[in-house]
Protein backbone atom coordinates (compact mmCIF):
# COMPACT_ATOMS: atom_id res chain seq x y z
CA MET A 1 201.07 174.65 219.75
CA THR A 2 199.61 174.52 216.17
CA PRO A 3 201.37 171.89 214.01
CA ALA A 4 203.01 173.35 210.91
CA PRO A 5 200.78 172.12 207.82
CA VAL A 6 201.81 169.14 205.40
CA VAL A 7 203.09 170.29 202.44
CA VAL A 8 201.79 168.40 199.52
CA PRO A 9 203.85 167.83 196.57
CA ALA A 10 202.59 168.73 193.07
CA GLU A 11 204.25 165.71 191.53
CA PRO A 12 202.39 162.57 192.16
CA LEU A 13 203.35 159.38 194.00
CA GLY A 14 201.61 156.90 191.38
CA PRO A 15 198.29 156.11 190.58
CA LEU A 16 195.50 155.59 193.13
CA PRO A 17 194.80 151.77 193.11
CA ASP A 18 191.15 150.82 192.65
CA ALA A 19 191.45 147.64 194.89
CA TRP A 20 188.89 148.78 197.46
CA ARG A 21 185.95 149.12 194.70
CA THR A 22 186.99 145.95 192.64
CA CYS A 23 184.60 143.85 194.64
CA VAL A 24 181.43 144.30 196.85
CA GLY A 25 179.85 141.42 199.24
CA THR A 26 176.03 140.58 198.92
CA GLY A 27 173.54 138.39 200.69
CA ARG A 28 172.66 135.03 199.54
CA LEU A 29 172.34 135.37 195.36
CA ASN A 30 168.37 134.54 195.82
CA LEU A 31 167.82 138.21 197.25
CA ALA A 32 168.96 139.71 194.13
CA LEU A 33 165.23 138.34 192.80
CA ARG A 34 163.81 141.30 195.23
CA ALA A 35 162.99 144.95 194.16
CA ASP A 36 164.57 146.36 197.46
CA TYR A 37 167.77 144.75 196.55
CA ARG A 38 167.95 145.91 192.98
CA GLU A 39 167.18 149.30 193.79
CA SER A 40 169.92 149.46 196.58
CA LEU A 41 172.30 148.00 194.05
CA ALA A 42 171.29 150.32 191.29
CA THR A 43 172.06 153.28 194.09
CA VAL A 44 175.39 151.86 194.97
CA GLN A 45 176.41 151.43 191.40
CA ARG A 46 175.37 155.09 190.67
CA ASP A 47 177.21 156.54 193.61
CA ILE A 48 180.22 153.94 193.76
CA GLY A 49 180.62 151.72 190.86
CA PHE A 50 181.68 148.37 191.85
CA ARG A 51 183.11 146.04 189.27
CA TYR A 52 182.18 142.73 190.79
CA ILE A 53 179.89 141.42 193.48
CA ARG A 54 180.45 138.01 195.58
CA GLY A 55 177.62 136.10 197.64
CA HIS A 56 176.85 132.53 199.08
CA GLY A 57 174.33 130.27 197.70
CA LEU A 58 174.90 129.74 193.93
CA LEU A 59 174.19 126.22 194.52
CA SER A 60 171.83 126.20 197.26
CA ASP A 61 168.43 124.86 197.11
CA ASP A 62 166.53 128.27 196.92
CA MET A 63 168.60 128.51 193.26
CA GLY A 64 166.78 125.51 191.96
CA VAL A 65 169.75 124.82 190.29
CA TYR A 66 169.85 120.82 190.99
CA ARG A 67 167.00 118.68 190.26
CA PRO A 68 167.25 115.02 190.44
CA TYR A 69 164.26 113.08 189.31
CA ASP A 70 163.16 109.25 188.56
CA HIS A 71 162.61 108.13 185.17
CA ASP A 72 161.50 104.65 183.56
CA GLY A 73 163.62 103.36 186.81
CA GLU A 74 166.55 105.49 186.03
CA ARG A 75 167.99 108.27 188.35
CA ARG A 76 168.36 111.36 186.42
CA VAL A 77 169.25 115.03 187.06
CA ARG A 78 168.12 118.34 185.35
CA TYR A 79 169.75 121.50 186.13
CA GLY A 80 167.46 124.57 186.56
CA PHE A 81 169.27 128.01 185.62
CA SER A 82 166.22 130.16 185.49
CA TYR A 83 167.29 132.04 188.84
CA VAL A 84 170.90 131.78 188.23
CA ASP A 85 170.25 133.53 184.78
CA GLN A 86 167.79 136.42 185.97
CA VAL A 87 170.38 137.23 188.89
CA HIS A 88 173.35 137.22 186.67
CA ASP A 89 171.33 139.17 183.98
CA ALA A 90 170.54 141.68 186.81
CA PHE A 91 173.92 142.31 187.75
CA LEU A 92 175.47 142.68 184.34
CA GLY A 93 172.51 145.13 183.58
CA LEU A 94 173.58 147.17 186.67
CA GLY A 95 177.04 147.52 185.27
CA ILE A 96 178.71 145.05 187.93
CA ARG A 97 180.07 141.25 187.06
CA PRO A 98 179.85 138.33 189.32
CA PHE A 99 182.58 137.19 191.22
CA VAL A 100 181.35 133.51 191.39
CA GLU A 101 181.33 131.52 194.69
CA LEU A 102 180.90 127.96 193.99
CA GLY A 103 178.46 126.85 197.05
CA PHE A 104 176.61 125.93 199.37
CA MET A 105 175.93 121.97 198.70
CA PRO A 106 172.63 121.05 196.76
CA SER A 107 170.75 119.09 199.79
CA GLU A 108 169.94 116.38 197.47
CA LEU A 109 173.71 115.97 196.51
CA ALA A 110 175.07 116.29 200.16
CA SER A 111 176.59 113.65 201.89
CA GLY A 112 174.95 115.01 205.38
CA SER A 113 172.26 117.24 206.93
CA GLN A 114 174.69 120.09 208.56
CA THR A 115 173.40 123.67 207.26
CA VAL A 116 174.30 126.86 208.25
CA PHE A 117 172.40 130.28 208.23
CA TRP A 118 168.56 130.71 208.79
CA TRP A 119 167.98 129.90 205.00
CA ASN A 120 169.75 126.56 205.54
CA GLY A 121 172.94 126.27 202.87
CA ASN A 122 174.02 122.74 203.22
CA VAL A 123 177.99 122.84 204.35
CA THR A 124 178.81 118.92 203.84
CA PRO A 125 180.71 117.13 201.37
CA PRO A 126 178.93 115.90 197.96
CA THR A 127 177.95 112.43 198.01
CA SER A 128 179.55 111.77 194.69
CA TYR A 129 182.37 114.08 193.40
CA GLU A 130 181.89 112.74 190.11
CA SER A 131 177.94 114.43 190.37
CA TRP A 132 179.44 117.31 191.86
CA THR A 133 181.85 117.87 188.71
CA GLU A 134 178.94 117.19 186.40
CA LEU A 135 176.97 120.02 188.05
CA VAL A 136 179.84 122.33 188.28
CA VAL A 137 180.76 121.66 184.49
CA ALA A 138 177.11 122.11 183.71
CA LEU A 139 176.87 125.52 185.38
CA VAL A 140 179.95 126.91 183.98
CA ARG A 141 179.45 125.63 179.94
CA HIS A 142 175.71 127.32 180.67
CA LEU A 143 177.04 130.65 181.74
CA VAL A 144 179.68 130.35 178.61
CA ASP A 145 176.62 129.60 176.26
CA ARG A 146 174.76 132.68 177.59
CA TYR A 147 177.32 135.35 178.36
CA GLY A 148 180.09 134.08 175.65
CA ILE A 149 183.57 132.83 176.72
CA GLU A 150 185.55 136.37 176.58
CA GLU A 151 182.79 137.79 179.30
CA VAL A 152 183.23 134.65 181.72
CA ARG A 153 186.79 134.58 181.41
CA THR A 154 187.05 137.71 183.23
CA TRP A 155 184.64 136.64 186.22
CA PRO A 156 187.01 134.93 189.20
CA ILE A 157 185.52 131.29 189.96
CA GLU A 158 186.12 130.88 194.11
CA VAL A 159 185.72 127.62 195.50
CA TRP A 160 183.16 127.47 198.60
CA ASN A 161 183.60 129.68 201.63
CA GLU A 162 185.64 129.76 204.64
CA PRO A 163 186.16 125.90 204.85
CA ASN A 164 188.54 126.36 207.91
CA LEU A 165 185.60 126.95 209.93
CA ASP A 166 183.29 124.00 210.86
CA ILE A 167 180.05 125.83 210.56
CA PHE A 168 180.94 126.50 206.80
CA TRP A 169 182.57 123.42 205.97
CA GLN A 170 181.88 119.85 207.98
CA GLY A 171 184.44 118.96 210.66
CA ALA A 172 186.42 122.06 209.05
CA ASP A 173 188.27 118.96 207.33
CA GLN A 174 191.24 120.27 205.28
CA ALA A 175 191.91 117.07 203.37
CA GLU A 176 188.28 116.93 202.44
CA TYR A 177 188.25 120.70 201.21
CA LEU A 178 191.78 120.42 199.13
CA ARG A 179 189.68 117.10 197.51
CA LEU A 180 186.89 119.35 196.90
CA TYR A 181 189.36 122.20 195.32
CA GLU A 182 191.08 119.75 193.01
CA ALA A 183 188.12 118.37 191.76
CA THR A 184 186.16 121.69 191.10
CA ALA A 185 189.37 123.42 189.56
CA ARG A 186 189.71 120.58 187.19
CA ALA A 187 186.23 120.43 186.14
CA ILE A 188 186.41 124.45 185.51
CA LYS A 189 189.52 124.06 183.45
CA ASP A 190 188.02 121.22 181.61
CA VAL A 191 185.29 123.88 180.14
CA ASP A 192 188.14 126.19 179.23
CA ALA A 193 191.58 126.69 180.51
CA SER A 194 191.71 130.47 180.69
CA LEU A 195 189.06 130.51 183.27
CA GLN A 196 189.94 131.88 186.65
CA VAL A 197 189.73 129.70 189.69
CA GLY A 198 191.00 130.09 193.18
CA GLY A 199 190.52 129.75 197.46
CA PRO A 200 190.61 128.74 199.52
CA ALA A 201 188.81 131.80 200.89
CA ILE A 202 189.72 131.18 204.68
CA SER A 203 188.59 133.33 207.48
CA PRO A 204 190.77 135.29 210.08
CA GLY A 205 193.02 133.20 212.30
CA SER A 206 193.60 130.13 210.17
CA ASP A 207 196.91 131.27 208.32
CA GLU A 208 197.97 127.33 208.95
CA TRP A 209 196.00 126.72 206.17
CA TRP A 210 198.31 128.57 203.67
CA ALA A 211 201.32 126.18 203.72
CA PRO A 212 199.07 122.74 203.01
CA PHE A 213 197.41 124.55 200.72
CA ALA A 214 200.33 125.72 198.60
CA GLU A 215 202.21 122.24 198.87
CA PHE A 216 198.90 120.14 197.85
CA VAL A 217 198.21 122.16 194.63
CA THR A 218 201.78 122.79 193.99
CA SER A 219 202.61 118.81 194.28
CA ARG A 220 199.65 117.65 192.45
CA ASP A 221 199.59 120.59 189.51
CA VAL A 222 196.36 121.74 190.51
CA PRO A 223 195.04 124.89 188.87
CA ILE A 224 195.02 127.89 190.71
CA ASP A 225 194.53 131.56 189.33
CA PHE A 226 194.38 133.54 192.58
CA VAL A 227 194.32 133.24 196.40
CA SER A 228 191.56 134.52 198.51
CA ARG A 229 191.27 135.21 202.49
CA HIS A 230 188.92 137.09 204.71
CA ALA A 231 189.45 139.97 206.95
CA TYR A 232 187.67 140.88 210.58
CA THR A 233 188.98 142.66 213.23
CA SER A 234 185.98 142.01 215.94
CA GLY A 235 186.34 139.96 219.25
CA PRO A 236 184.14 137.35 220.77
CA ALA A 237 180.42 138.06 220.38
CA GLN A 238 178.31 139.80 223.45
CA THR A 239 174.78 139.29 222.81
CA VAL A 240 171.70 140.90 223.60
CA PRO A 241 168.34 140.35 221.94
CA PHE A 242 168.76 141.22 218.40
CA ALA A 243 172.20 142.45 218.73
CA THR A 244 175.96 141.85 219.07
CA TYR A 245 178.64 143.84 220.68
CA GLN A 246 182.33 143.29 220.15
CA THR A 247 185.88 144.40 220.52
CA LEU A 248 187.81 145.79 217.94
CA ASP A 249 191.26 145.51 216.92
CA ALA A 250 193.03 148.60 215.61
CA PRO A 251 192.61 149.36 211.82
CA GLN A 252 196.09 148.13 211.19
CA ALA A 253 194.96 145.03 211.85
CA LEU A 254 192.94 144.69 208.94
CA LEU A 255 195.83 145.79 206.62
CA ASP A 256 197.88 143.18 208.34
CA GLN A 257 195.53 140.34 207.54
CA PHE A 258 195.16 141.87 203.92
CA ASP A 259 199.28 141.09 203.57
CA ALA A 260 198.74 137.85 205.55
CA PRO A 261 198.59 135.68 202.11
CA ARG A 262 201.75 137.00 200.42
CA ARG A 263 203.58 136.80 203.77
CA HIS A 264 202.79 133.13 204.29
CA LEU A 265 203.00 132.10 200.46
CA ALA A 266 206.66 133.98 199.72
CA GLY A 267 209.03 131.30 198.44
CA THR A 268 206.03 129.00 197.00
CA ALA A 269 205.13 128.40 194.11
CA LEU A 270 202.17 130.42 194.61
CA ALA A 271 204.13 133.47 195.33
CA GLY A 272 202.88 136.49 193.22
CA LEU A 273 199.37 135.24 192.48
CA PRO A 274 196.68 138.01 192.54
CA VAL A 275 195.35 138.07 196.20
CA HIS A 276 191.48 138.90 196.56
CA ILE A 277 190.01 139.58 200.29
CA THR A 278 186.63 138.25 199.35
CA GLU A 279 185.17 139.44 202.65
CA PHE A 280 186.06 142.41 205.35
CA ASN A 281 184.70 144.85 207.74
CA SER A 282 185.34 145.76 211.38
CA SER A 283 182.73 142.85 212.89
CA TYR A 284 181.76 139.70 211.26
CA ARG A 285 178.21 139.77 212.85
CA PRO A 286 175.25 140.91 210.54
CA ASP A 287 173.92 142.52 213.94
CA ASN A 288 176.59 144.40 215.46
CA PRO A 289 175.80 148.48 215.63
CA ILE A 290 179.05 149.64 214.95
CA HIS A 291 178.36 149.01 211.14
CA ASP A 292 175.82 151.70 211.36
CA THR A 293 177.95 154.61 212.74
CA ALA A 294 180.32 157.48 211.66
CA TYR A 295 183.01 155.35 213.83
CA ASN A 296 183.19 152.66 211.31
CA ALA A 297 183.46 155.21 208.40
CA ALA A 298 186.42 156.66 210.38
CA TYR A 299 187.79 153.13 211.49
CA LEU A 300 187.96 151.85 207.63
CA SER A 301 189.08 155.27 206.01
CA PRO A 302 193.00 154.18 206.49
CA VAL A 303 192.27 150.49 204.98
CA LEU A 304 190.31 152.25 202.00
CA ALA A 305 193.25 154.46 201.40
CA GLY A 306 196.07 151.88 201.67
CA GLY A 307 194.80 148.54 201.24
CA GLY A 308 195.66 148.44 197.54
CA ASP A 309 199.12 148.36 198.06
CA LEU A 310 198.74 145.22 199.67
CA VAL A 311 196.16 143.14 197.48
CA ASP A 312 194.43 143.40 194.20
CA SER A 313 190.88 143.48 196.03
CA PHE A 314 189.10 143.64 199.22
CA SER A 315 185.25 143.29 199.23
CA TYR A 316 183.24 145.08 201.75
CA TRP A 317 180.73 142.67 203.32
CA THR A 318 178.23 143.54 202.14
CA PHE A 319 176.72 146.80 199.76
CA ALA A 320 173.00 146.18 201.40
CA ASP A 321 171.55 145.30 204.57
CA VAL A 322 169.42 142.87 202.40
CA PHE A 323 170.58 140.34 204.08
CA GLU A 324 169.37 137.36 206.11
CA GLU A 325 171.84 134.87 207.44
CA ILE A 326 170.34 135.04 211.09
CA GLY A 327 166.92 135.97 210.08
CA VAL A 328 164.95 138.63 208.74
CA PRO A 329 165.45 141.93 210.25
CA THR A 330 163.29 143.28 212.73
CA SER A 331 164.67 146.78 212.56
CA LEU A 332 165.61 149.39 209.68
CA PHE A 333 168.95 150.05 211.87
CA HIS A 334 169.96 146.70 212.92
CA GLY A 335 173.85 146.77 212.78
CA GLY A 336 173.59 144.81 209.19
CA PHE A 337 176.57 144.53 207.28
CA GLY A 338 175.41 146.98 204.51
CA LEU A 339 176.56 150.22 203.33
CA LEU A 340 172.67 150.93 202.96
CA THR A 341 169.81 150.26 205.15
CA HIS A 342 166.43 148.24 203.62
CA ARG A 343 165.11 151.17 201.40
CA GLN A 344 168.38 152.87 200.49
CA VAL A 345 169.00 155.00 203.43
CA PRO A 346 172.79 155.29 203.21
CA LYS A 347 175.07 155.09 206.69
CA PRO A 348 178.24 156.84 207.30
CA THR A 349 180.43 154.44 205.67
CA TYR A 350 178.64 154.58 202.20
CA HIS A 351 179.72 158.44 202.19
CA LEU A 352 182.97 156.75 202.79
CA TYR A 353 182.86 154.84 199.71
CA ALA A 354 181.21 157.28 197.81
CA PHE A 355 183.74 159.92 198.61
CA MET A 356 186.40 157.75 197.62
CA ALA A 357 184.84 157.33 194.32
CA ARG A 358 185.33 161.01 193.52
CA MET A 359 189.08 160.87 194.68
CA GLY A 360 191.39 161.89 191.78
CA ARG A 361 193.30 159.27 190.11
CA HIS A 362 196.84 160.12 190.98
CA VAL A 363 198.26 159.95 194.70
CA LEU A 364 200.00 163.02 195.74
CA ALA A 365 200.23 162.32 199.35
CA ARG A 366 199.06 159.94 202.05
CA GLY A 367 198.97 160.23 205.87
CA THR A 368 197.59 158.82 208.83
CA ASP A 369 194.51 161.12 208.58
CA HIS A 370 194.68 162.32 204.84
CA LEU A 371 195.00 161.13 201.17
CA VAL A 372 195.40 163.39 198.58
CA CYS A 373 195.09 163.04 195.01
CA SER A 374 194.89 164.53 191.60
CA ASP A 375 193.55 164.78 188.32
CA ASP A 376 194.97 165.49 185.01
CA ASP A 377 192.23 168.69 184.70
CA GLY A 378 193.84 170.20 187.49
CA ARG A 379 191.30 169.37 190.60
CA VAL A 380 193.04 168.30 193.74
CA THR A 381 190.89 166.02 196.30
CA VAL A 382 191.49 165.29 199.87
CA LEU A 383 189.94 162.74 202.01
CA ALA A 384 190.77 163.35 205.86
CA TRP A 385 189.35 161.32 208.60
CA GLN A 386 189.70 161.48 212.64
CA PRO A 387 192.29 158.31 213.66
CA VAL A 388 190.51 155.99 215.36
CA GLY A 389 192.01 153.02 217.35
CA GLY A 390 189.70 150.58 218.28
CA THR A 391 188.95 149.36 221.79
CA ASP A 392 191.81 149.66 223.69
CA ALA A 393 192.76 152.99 221.97
CA PRO A 394 192.02 156.14 224.01
CA ALA A 395 188.72 157.95 223.07
CA ALA A 396 188.59 160.09 219.89
CA GLU A 397 188.94 163.73 220.75
CA GLU A 398 185.72 165.98 220.04
CA ARG A 399 187.94 167.85 217.28
CA HIS A 400 190.74 166.65 215.12
CA THR A 401 192.27 169.21 213.10
CA VAL A 402 193.85 168.30 209.63
CA ARG A 403 196.41 170.95 208.01
CA LEU A 404 197.31 170.91 204.31
CA SER A 405 199.31 173.21 202.17
CA LEU A 406 197.95 172.10 198.58
CA PRO A 407 199.16 172.94 195.14
CA VAL A 408 197.08 174.28 192.99
CA LEU A 409 197.51 172.92 189.68
CA ALA A 410 196.79 176.30 187.62
CA GLY A 411 198.40 175.17 184.54
CA SER A 412 196.10 172.43 183.73
CA VAL A 413 193.35 174.53 183.35
CA PRO A 414 193.49 177.40 180.41
CA GLY A 415 192.94 181.03 181.60
CA ALA A 416 193.56 179.91 185.33
CA THR A 417 196.35 181.93 187.41
CA ASP A 418 198.30 181.13 190.26
CA ASP A 419 197.85 184.10 192.41
CA ARG A 420 194.14 184.34 192.30
CA THR A 421 191.82 182.06 194.06
CA ALA A 422 190.47 178.29 194.14
CA PHE A 423 187.04 177.20 194.40
CA VAL A 424 187.02 174.92 197.33
CA VAL A 425 183.79 172.31 198.44
CA ARG A 426 183.79 170.57 201.54
CA GLU A 427 181.31 167.37 202.46
CA ARG A 428 181.55 166.09 206.13
CA VAL A 429 180.14 163.11 207.82
CA ASN A 430 180.35 162.97 211.71
CA GLU A 431 178.20 161.98 214.64
CA GLN A 432 175.87 164.54 213.72
CA ASP A 433 176.09 165.45 209.61
CA GLY A 434 175.42 162.99 207.20
CA ASN A 435 174.25 160.46 209.66
CA ALA A 436 171.00 158.74 209.31
CA PHE A 437 171.66 156.39 212.32
CA ALA A 438 171.88 159.20 214.74
CA ALA A 439 168.78 161.07 213.42
CA TRP A 440 167.06 157.70 213.48
CA ARG A 441 167.91 157.22 217.07
CA GLU A 442 166.69 160.99 217.89
CA LEU A 443 163.40 159.92 215.96
CA GLY A 444 163.15 157.27 218.89
CA ARG A 445 164.33 154.17 217.09
CA PRO A 446 161.26 153.21 214.78
CA ALA A 447 161.53 149.69 213.79
CA SER A 448 159.14 150.41 210.92
CA PRO A 449 159.15 153.64 209.68
CA THR A 450 156.78 155.64 208.03
CA GLU A 451 157.25 156.34 204.44
CA ARG A 452 157.76 160.15 205.39
CA ASP A 453 160.19 158.82 208.08
CA VAL A 454 162.32 157.47 205.53
CA ASP A 455 162.31 160.18 203.33
CA LEU A 456 163.22 162.58 206.27
CA LEU A 457 166.27 159.80 206.77
CA ARG A 458 167.41 160.06 203.64
CA ASP A 459 167.51 163.68 203.77
CA LEU A 460 169.31 163.67 206.98
CA ALA A 461 171.59 160.96 205.70
CA ARG A 462 173.36 163.89 202.99
CA PRO A 463 176.78 164.92 203.96
CA ALA A 464 177.07 168.44 205.29
CA THR A 465 178.43 170.68 202.33
CA SER A 466 180.30 174.05 202.63
CA HIS A 467 182.21 176.14 199.98
CA ALA A 468 184.75 178.93 199.95
CA ALA A 469 186.96 180.48 197.26
CA LEU A 470 190.38 180.42 198.83
CA PRO A 471 193.26 182.53 198.26
CA VAL A 472 196.30 180.95 195.84
CA VAL A 473 199.54 182.22 197.19
CA ASP A 474 202.71 181.23 195.48
CA GLY A 475 200.79 178.72 193.53
CA ARG A 476 199.31 176.83 196.81
CA VAL A 477 196.15 177.02 199.04
CA GLN A 478 196.30 176.41 202.49
CA LEU A 479 193.75 174.29 204.28
CA ASP A 480 192.87 174.06 207.81
CA LEU A 481 190.27 171.40 208.45
CA GLU A 482 188.99 171.30 211.89
CA LEU A 483 186.77 167.54 211.85
CA ALA A 484 184.22 166.87 214.48
CA GLN A 485 184.50 163.54 216.61
CA HIS A 486 184.62 160.33 214.29
CA GLU A 487 184.65 162.74 210.85
CA VAL A 488 185.31 161.72 207.56
CA THR A 489 185.49 164.48 205.06
CA PHE A 490 185.96 165.20 201.59
CA VAL A 491 187.32 168.12 199.89
CA GLU A 492 187.32 169.17 196.09
CA VAL A 493 190.09 172.23 195.10
CA ARG A 494 189.54 173.36 191.85
CA PRO A 495 191.73 176.45 190.26
CA VAL A 496 189.19 179.14 189.11
CA ARG A 497 189.06 180.27 185.28
CA PRO A 498 187.64 183.61 185.64
CA GLU A 499 185.14 184.51 182.86
CA GLN A 500 184.06 188.09 181.77
CA HIS A 501 180.43 189.24 182.39
CA ASP A 502 180.41 193.01 181.12
CA GLY A 503 178.45 195.03 183.07
CA LEU A 504 177.90 193.38 186.25
CA ASP A 505 178.96 194.55 189.59
CA ASP A 506 177.89 192.46 192.77
CA ARG A 507 178.69 195.72 194.96
CA ARG A 508 175.45 197.11 193.37
CA LEU A 509 173.17 194.19 194.78
CA LEU A 510 171.02 195.01 197.90
CA GLY A 511 172.71 193.75 200.99
CA ALA A 512 176.05 193.39 199.07
CA SER A 513 178.09 195.17 201.93
CA ASP A 514 179.75 192.11 203.15
CA ASP A 515 183.21 192.88 203.32
CA ARG A 516 183.79 189.35 201.98
CA LEU A 517 182.75 190.41 198.57
CA VAL A 518 185.76 191.61 196.56
CA ALA A 519 184.83 193.82 193.74
CA ASP A 520 186.47 193.12 190.38
CA PRO A 521 189.11 195.62 188.98
CA PRO A 522 187.66 198.67 187.12
CA GLY A 523 186.63 198.09 183.54
CA ARG A 524 186.96 194.36 183.81
CA GLY A 525 183.36 193.32 184.79
CA ARG A 526 184.13 190.12 186.11
CA ALA A 527 182.02 188.69 189.12
CA ALA A 528 182.94 189.34 192.65
CA ARG A 529 184.77 186.73 194.47
CA LEU A 530 184.26 184.95 198.42
CA VAL A 531 187.92 185.46 199.87
CA THR A 532 188.34 183.24 202.98
CA GLY A 533 191.49 183.35 204.74
CA GLY A 534 193.32 180.10 206.07
CA THR A 535 191.25 179.55 208.87
CA ALA A 536 189.60 176.40 209.81
CA TRP A 537 186.38 175.86 208.02
């Protein structure tokens, strides 16, 4: 039995939060010196437009910041900001601001030799907290001198990354992290009290850190302007050569993790602080093929649609596959975190973000498989997806139908009428359409595709597009969307404002016998219109 359409109200429920594009993640900051990286970020900013970018390694050795030397028998330190400046200048030039993560430890200041990642970020505490805070002050003052205090006040500054994991903080020593946080936060505020500082940037599965963190900063009056956490829903790693497979919880688990800081901090002095999810994705592995798939886009659709109700930002990890935590990738598609592959080939999840960037400002309706928004000019937009539920859920059907009765806001468009037509455009991404990963597999999985192959993959990555003029009845259009497996689709509905073109009659065109062409009333001279009924399209 065909379900009745969801009747979408004409009055907005409220604004669409932009938490989904407040921030995006990146590979280590040194990579921003590369041409492929900057080309990818320019592409992302053109189509999506993130506001902030966060990544590791600002103070790691490959950025050349901490430079101790001996002179006349005295140990001195010189701070080098050449690479830091190039990175931040590039970001700002592309319309995106730094979400500053302070880490990792310069090896000359580190108390130990433990490192993480292929590029050896040092994860041990400083040998001297005095030297560490001098470094922090020097960095922040340099940023203020270069970009101005009003600008840098808009940059959140996060202390370290996932200190609850011993791979990121020696021994996952909570007491030592709290010492680092206090020293760092006070140093930042010594530069300017209005600068934003926060943490603890913990990974999933360590919510027991919230209570001691809140008690520590409260009892010692340590500065804190926001709290941060990461969210992933993948299970244990099942490794094969150059790839990793994992189970996935349902997408709701991501939203539950987004909500965790506020739940755990309720009743504390930190309740009500901004909450930033400074990393999230389905898998935490940079070699999990799930990231390249249409499934990943469908999986994350309800998260992007609803996550803004829970947090102030949630940062997709990461914008591009220019990323080297476990080494240099050996293939164009390799399960990388990126929305884009190397050479700017969009993945299906990229299109999910690009669709969201074109949604209207006002929410009209939300459901388990759709988000409907509107703009003040009468445009109505729909994001629809096939729900998927992770490893333990039944396999997705080959087809999924979304039926909506949409208001046509003709009153917002001068000259438009309620009982005429609406122009409808649909873009779709699924296992076949807009899916460069599927095309790459059909091409034979070339590890190093030729220039011609890359151009072909970019072409095949474009969403499939269709359009129609749908009848408006009593101020509404019925939209019956048949979605293919793992599909995410974007629909734009615009009220039509007919314009007069004297003498034109499309019935006189050769080949114009198609009965879908409806002539304008005699004497009106307006162009004919393509009219389609309420069937699935």
